[in-house]
Each structure stands twice: as structure tokens, then as C-alpha cells.
Amino acid sequence: MDDDPKISSLTATMLQSLDYKYDLARNGEEAIALYQRYLNIGRPYDAVLLDITVVGGMGGEECFRALRSLDPDVRAIVSSGYDNDDMARRFLDMGFCGYLTKPYRVAELGKVLKTVLG
């Protein structure tokens, strides 16, 4: 989930190159609707990547809380333009499984996904 179409497109290209299937959401509301749809058929996403700041929509932190109420086992990775160890620790303490600083490269995305998915 990212409100910047360029970042979404770039992330989609990276995920495709890593052989992951994905859906794109522009905000938390869309991400929750997609997650709910797959949860309803017993196939929740393996992981979600959430941008923390979404202009004019629900951001990653609020979205994560909503997803966790739907599925306590949701594996979420937070994405932020801020490279700050304290901020990363706060999100990991909140229950996020990983932290990516934007702009990230395909190797960094792959490494975080591999760690989160086991």
C-alpha cells in the first residue's frame, strides 16, 4: 500500500522480479478491503507492505491496527521515508514484522520479505 503511484509501480516491478504475486492499494481502506476479500476465502496474504504516511487516506499504522483486528497473524512490513532507528524500533514493538526505508532496492525488499516469510 502506497499513495505514490510511482513507488507502487516500482515496488510492483520489484515484487514481480522476485516472483511474488501482489495487489496494489492506494490507502489503508483499499488495503483492508483487499485483505478482507482474501481472508474471507481462507487465503490471507502472506505479508503486507504498508506505507506509514498516506496523504488524504488511512496510513499504515491505522491500517495495521485494523488488519490485526481482522487477522491477529497478519505479517506487516512498514515502509517509510524516514531512516530512524527509534522509529523502526517503535513500529517493530507495535507488532510490524519488518521495516523498509524508502527508497529501497529490490535486494532490500527481497531480504525483508524472506525474513518475514521465513
C-alpha atoms as a PDB file:
ATOM      1  CA  MET A   1       0.000   0.000   0.000  1.00  0.00           C
ATOM      2  CA  ASP A   2       1.393   3.346  -1.071  1.00  0.00           C
ATOM      3  CA  ASP A   3      -0.287   6.571  -2.154  1.00  0.00           C
ATOM      4  CA  ASP A   4       2.539   7.402  -4.591  1.00  0.00           C
ATOM      5  CA  PRO A   5       1.796   5.710  -7.955  1.00  0.00           C
ATOM      6  CA  LYS A   6       5.493   5.767  -8.913  1.00  0.00           C
ATOM      7  CA  ILE A   7       6.523   3.924  -5.753  1.00  0.00           C
ATOM      8  CA  SER A   8       3.665   1.439  -6.186  1.00  0.00           C
ATOM      9  CA  SER A   9       4.708   0.767  -9.768  1.00  0.00           C
ATOM     10  CA  LEU A  10       8.370   0.376  -8.843  1.00  0.00           C
ATOM     11  CA  THR A  11       7.519  -1.932  -5.933  1.00  0.00           C
ATOM     12  CA  ALA A  12       5.283  -3.990  -8.248  1.00  0.00           C
ATOM     13  CA  THR A  13       8.191  -4.408 -10.670  1.00  0.00           C
ATOM     14  CA  MET A  14      10.462  -5.480  -7.799  1.00  0.00           C
ATOM     15  CA  LEU A  15       7.915  -7.980  -6.456  1.00  0.00           C
ATOM     16  CA  GLN A  16       7.417  -9.403  -9.932  1.00  0.00           C
ATOM     17  CA  SER A  17      11.184  -9.831 -10.387  1.00  0.00           C
ATOM     18  CA  LEU A  18      11.268 -11.699  -7.042  1.00  0.00           C
ATOM     19  CA  ASP A  19       8.422 -13.984  -8.270  1.00  0.00           C
ATOM     20  CA  TYR A  20       5.852 -12.737  -5.757  1.00  0.00           C
ATOM     21  CA  LYS A  21       2.186 -12.230  -6.580  1.00  0.00           C
ATOM     22  CA  TYR A  22       0.783  -8.954  -5.292  1.00  0.00           C
ATOM     23  CA  ASP A  23      -2.075  -6.485  -5.240  1.00  0.00           C
ATOM     24  CA  LEU A  24      -1.695  -2.725  -5.015  1.00  0.00           C
ATOM     25  CA  ALA A  25      -3.668  -0.420  -2.743  1.00  0.00           C
ATOM     26  CA  ARG A  26      -3.505   3.388  -2.631  1.00  0.00           C
ATOM     27  CA  ASN A  27      -4.551   3.707   1.014  1.00  0.00           C
ATOM     28  CA  GLY A  28      -5.478   1.775   4.126  1.00  0.00           C
ATOM     29  CA  GLU A  29      -9.118   1.487   3.197  1.00  0.00           C
ATOM     30  CA  GLU A  30      -8.247  -0.281  -0.076  1.00  0.00           C
ATOM     31  CA  ALA A  31      -5.686  -2.495   1.661  1.00  0.00           C
ATOM     32  CA  ILE A  32      -8.239  -3.589   4.273  1.00  0.00           C
ATOM     33  CA  ALA A  33     -10.854  -4.342   1.585  1.00  0.00           C
ATOM     34  CA  LEU A  34      -8.354  -6.488  -0.357  1.00  0.00           C
ATOM     35  CA  TYR A  35      -7.182  -8.283   2.775  1.00  0.00           C
ATOM     36  CA  GLN A  36     -10.759  -8.958   3.895  1.00  0.00           C
ATOM     37  CA  ARG A  37     -11.660 -10.373   0.472  1.00  0.00           C
ATOM     38  CA  TYR A  38      -8.827 -12.936   0.583  1.00  0.00           C
ATOM     39  CA  LEU A  39      -9.325 -13.668   4.281  1.00  0.00           C
ATOM     40  CA  ASN A  40     -12.979 -14.491   3.544  1.00  0.00           C
ATOM     41  CA  ILE A  41     -11.946 -17.260   1.143  1.00  0.00           C
ATOM     42  CA  GLY A  42      -9.345 -18.624   3.559  1.00  0.00           C
ATOM     43  CA  ARG A  43      -6.330 -17.299   1.655  1.00  0.00           C
ATOM     44  CA  PRO A  44      -4.976 -14.291   3.574  1.00  0.00           C
ATOM     45  CA  TYR A  45      -1.937 -12.541   2.181  1.00  0.00           C
ATOM     46  CA  ASP A  46       1.430 -13.937   3.248  1.00  0.00           C
ATOM     47  CA  ALA A  47       2.600 -10.385   4.007  1.00  0.00           C
ATOM     48  CA  VAL A  48       1.562  -6.764   3.519  1.00  0.00           C
ATOM     49  CA  LEU A  49       3.785  -3.767   2.863  1.00  0.00           C
ATOM     50  CA  LEU A  50       2.301  -0.581   4.299  1.00  0.00           C
ATOM     51  CA  ASP A  51       3.435   2.992   3.714  1.00  0.00           C
ATOM     52  CA  ILE A  52       3.208   4.779   7.036  1.00  0.00           C
ATOM     53  CA  THR A  53       2.127   8.169   5.644  1.00  0.00           C
ATOM     54  CA  VAL A  54      -0.768   8.385   3.172  1.00  0.00           C
ATOM     55  CA  VAL A  55      -1.938  11.813   2.084  1.00  0.00           C
ATOM     56  CA  GLY A  56      -5.737  12.080   2.237  1.00  0.00           C
ATOM     57  CA  GLY A  57      -6.306   8.498   3.375  1.00  0.00           C
ATOM     58  CA  MET A  58      -5.685   5.918   6.059  1.00  0.00           C
ATOM     59  CA  GLY A  59      -1.974   5.389   6.663  1.00  0.00           C
ATOM     60  CA  GLY A  60      -0.036   2.300   7.565  1.00  0.00           C
ATOM     61  CA  GLU A  61      -0.253   2.465  11.349  1.00  0.00           C
ATOM     62  CA  GLU A  62      -4.056   2.755  11.444  1.00  0.00           C
ATOM     63  CA  CYS A  63      -4.372   0.184   8.648  1.00  0.00           C
ATOM     64  CA  PHE A  64      -2.151  -2.258  10.548  1.00  0.00           C
ATOM     65  CA  ARG A  65      -4.345  -1.991  13.647  1.00  0.00           C
ATOM     66  CA  ALA A  66      -7.445  -2.700  11.538  1.00  0.00           C
ATOM     67  CA  LEU A  67      -5.780  -5.647   9.780  1.00  0.00           C
ATOM     68  CA  ARG A  68      -4.680  -7.081  13.105  1.00  0.00           C
ATOM     69  CA  SER A  69      -8.250  -6.960  14.388  1.00  0.00           C
ATOM     70  CA  LEU A  70      -9.286  -8.959  11.287  1.00  0.00           C
ATOM     71  CA  ASP A  71      -6.329 -11.345  11.446  1.00  0.00           C
ATOM     72  CA  PRO A  72      -4.097 -11.410  14.540  1.00  0.00           C
ATOM     73  CA  ASP A  73      -1.489 -13.296  12.472  1.00  0.00           C
ATOM     74  CA  VAL A  74      -1.110 -10.604   9.784  1.00  0.00           C
ATOM     75  CA  ARG A  75       2.539 -10.127   8.809  1.00  0.00           C
ATOM     76  CA  ALA A  76       3.078  -6.460   8.035  1.00  0.00           C
ATOM     77  CA  ILE A  77       6.141  -4.574   6.881  1.00  0.00           C
ATOM     78  CA  VAL A  78       6.218  -0.824   7.411  1.00  0.00           C
ATOM     79  CA  SER A  79       7.631   1.426   4.696  1.00  0.00           C
ATOM     80  CA  SER A  80       8.779   4.945   5.491  1.00  0.00           C
ATOM     81  CA  GLY A  81      10.872   7.708   4.018  1.00  0.00           C
ATOM     82  CA  TYR A  82      12.372   8.287   7.461  1.00  0.00           C
ATOM     83  CA  ASP A  83      15.544   6.369   8.281  1.00  0.00           C
ATOM     84  CA  ASN A  84      15.447   6.436  12.042  1.00  0.00           C
ATOM     85  CA  ASP A  85      16.336   3.548  14.388  1.00  0.00           C
ATOM     86  CA  ASP A  86      13.982   4.780  17.127  1.00  0.00           C
ATOM     87  CA  MET A  87      11.086   4.950  14.678  1.00  0.00           C
ATOM     88  CA  ALA A  88      11.888   1.485  13.314  1.00  0.00           C
ATOM     89  CA  ARG A  89      12.017   0.080  16.861  1.00  0.00           C
ATOM     90  CA  ARG A  90       8.649   1.692  17.691  1.00  0.00           C
ATOM     91  CA  PHE A  91       6.963   0.029  14.705  1.00  0.00           C
ATOM     92  CA  LEU A  92       8.593  -3.343  15.401  1.00  0.00           C
ATOM     93  CA  ASP A  93       7.485  -3.072  19.050  1.00  0.00           C
ATOM     94  CA  MET A  94       3.966  -2.314  17.786  1.00  0.00           C
ATOM     95  CA  GLY A  95       3.933  -5.686  16.009  1.00  0.00           C
ATOM     96  CA  PHE A  96       5.185  -4.939  12.499  1.00  0.00           C
ATOM     97  CA  CYS A  97       7.431  -7.762  11.260  1.00  0.00           C
ATOM     98  CA  GLY A  98       9.825  -5.603   9.237  1.00  0.00           C
ATOM     99  CA  TYR A  99      10.864  -2.045   8.375  1.00  0.00           C
ATOM    100  CA  LEU A 100      11.906  -0.713   4.961  1.00  0.00           C
ATOM    101  CA  THR A 101      13.323   2.754   4.434  1.00  0.00           C
ATOM    102  CA  LYS A 102      12.361   4.432   1.147  1.00  0.00           C
ATOM    103  CA  PRO A 103      13.774   4.462  -1.369  1.00  0.00           C
ATOM    104  CA  TYR A 104      14.525   0.749  -1.129  1.00  0.00           C
ATOM    105  CA  ARG A 105      16.118  -1.550  -3.665  1.00  0.00           C
ATOM    106  CA  VAL A 106      14.956  -4.954  -4.819  1.00  0.00           C
ATOM    107  CA  ALA A 107      17.631  -6.705  -2.704  1.00  0.00           C
ATOM    108  CA  GLU A 108      16.419  -4.930   0.459  1.00  0.00           C
ATOM    109  CA  LEU A 109      12.776  -5.756  -0.313  1.00  0.00           C
ATOM    110  CA  GLY A 110      13.677  -9.376  -1.012  1.00  0.00           C
ATOM    111  CA  LYS A 111      15.678  -9.664   2.210  1.00  0.00           C
ATOM    112  CA  VAL A 112      12.867  -8.245   4.362  1.00  0.00           C
ATOM    113  CA  LEU A 113      10.272 -10.479   2.698  1.00  0.00           C
ATOM    114  CA  LYS A 114      12.455 -13.545   3.150  1.00  0.00           C
ATOM    115  CA  THR A 115      12.928 -12.696   6.847  1.00  0.00           C
ATOM    116  CA  VAL A 116       9.206 -12.059   7.414  1.00  0.00           C
ATOM    117  CA  LEU A 117       8.026 -15.121   5.494  1.00  0.00           C
ATOM    118  CA  GLY A 118      10.651 -17.439   6.967  1.00  0.00           C
END
